[in-house]
Amino acid sequence: MLKKSLPVIAAGLLAGLLSPSSDVAAQAAQVVNELRAINARLDEQVVPFTVVDATGGLCDSAGPGTSTVEITVDSDGTAGHFVITSVLLLTTAPGIPETGFLGFHINHVDIDGERFFTRTGTLLGPTDGFGVFESVDLMGTPVRRNSDKDAPIAGGNFPHQIVAESDGINDVSISMFCSTMDDDVSFSHIKVSGWKRPADTITVTFTPGS
């Protein structure tokens, strides 16, 4: 009877000796898997971003005619989305002339290759003095329903936020008309803010007018 029991006892002792290392290995594997899951979730999360194009450039030169300026926002991510919540422009020296703009308004926005026409009224106008600096945030500005750029009948709004795919190039392009009367007008800074995935890089490019 004892002889028959020895193999069973030995197997039990061996299992007892091996079980702690097996448990440790299993626990370690579980921890690794949980860390991988956490990292995967972090990759899917978004963080705030602010990108400034400090090069800027000419909006329009004095005289007849209207130039077209463009702001392009691009993410280098290969998948997923990013969000734009603010596109803030600042004029540069010598500032806005007293005559202001004949017209500075959004024409359309391209998002992932699809064009949306969002014509607004004049976003920057005459000032109470020469050389006054002005700024405007494009997001949420009213879209006009009539042809009067200076006193438009407001319709909807330019988007308060834009969600775009990270894949591809030139994910978001905002096209604007710009015209001045007496003096050249330029922008010094274009500041774009929003949300992106931690690993992605957002670039902002301003294409000047003429």
Foldseek 3Di string as FASTA:
>chain_A
DVVVCVVVVVVVVVCVVCVVVVVVVVVVVVVVVVVVVVVVVLQQDKDKDKDKDQAWWWADFADDDKWKKKKFKAKQDAWDKWKWQWKKWKWDPLAAAQQGWPAKWWQWKAAQNDIDGFTAAGQIGGDPHGSDMDMDIQAFGFGFDDDHRHDGDGDGTHHSMDMHTNRDTRRMMIMIMTGHHGGIIIIRMIMIMTMDRPVMDMDMDMGYID
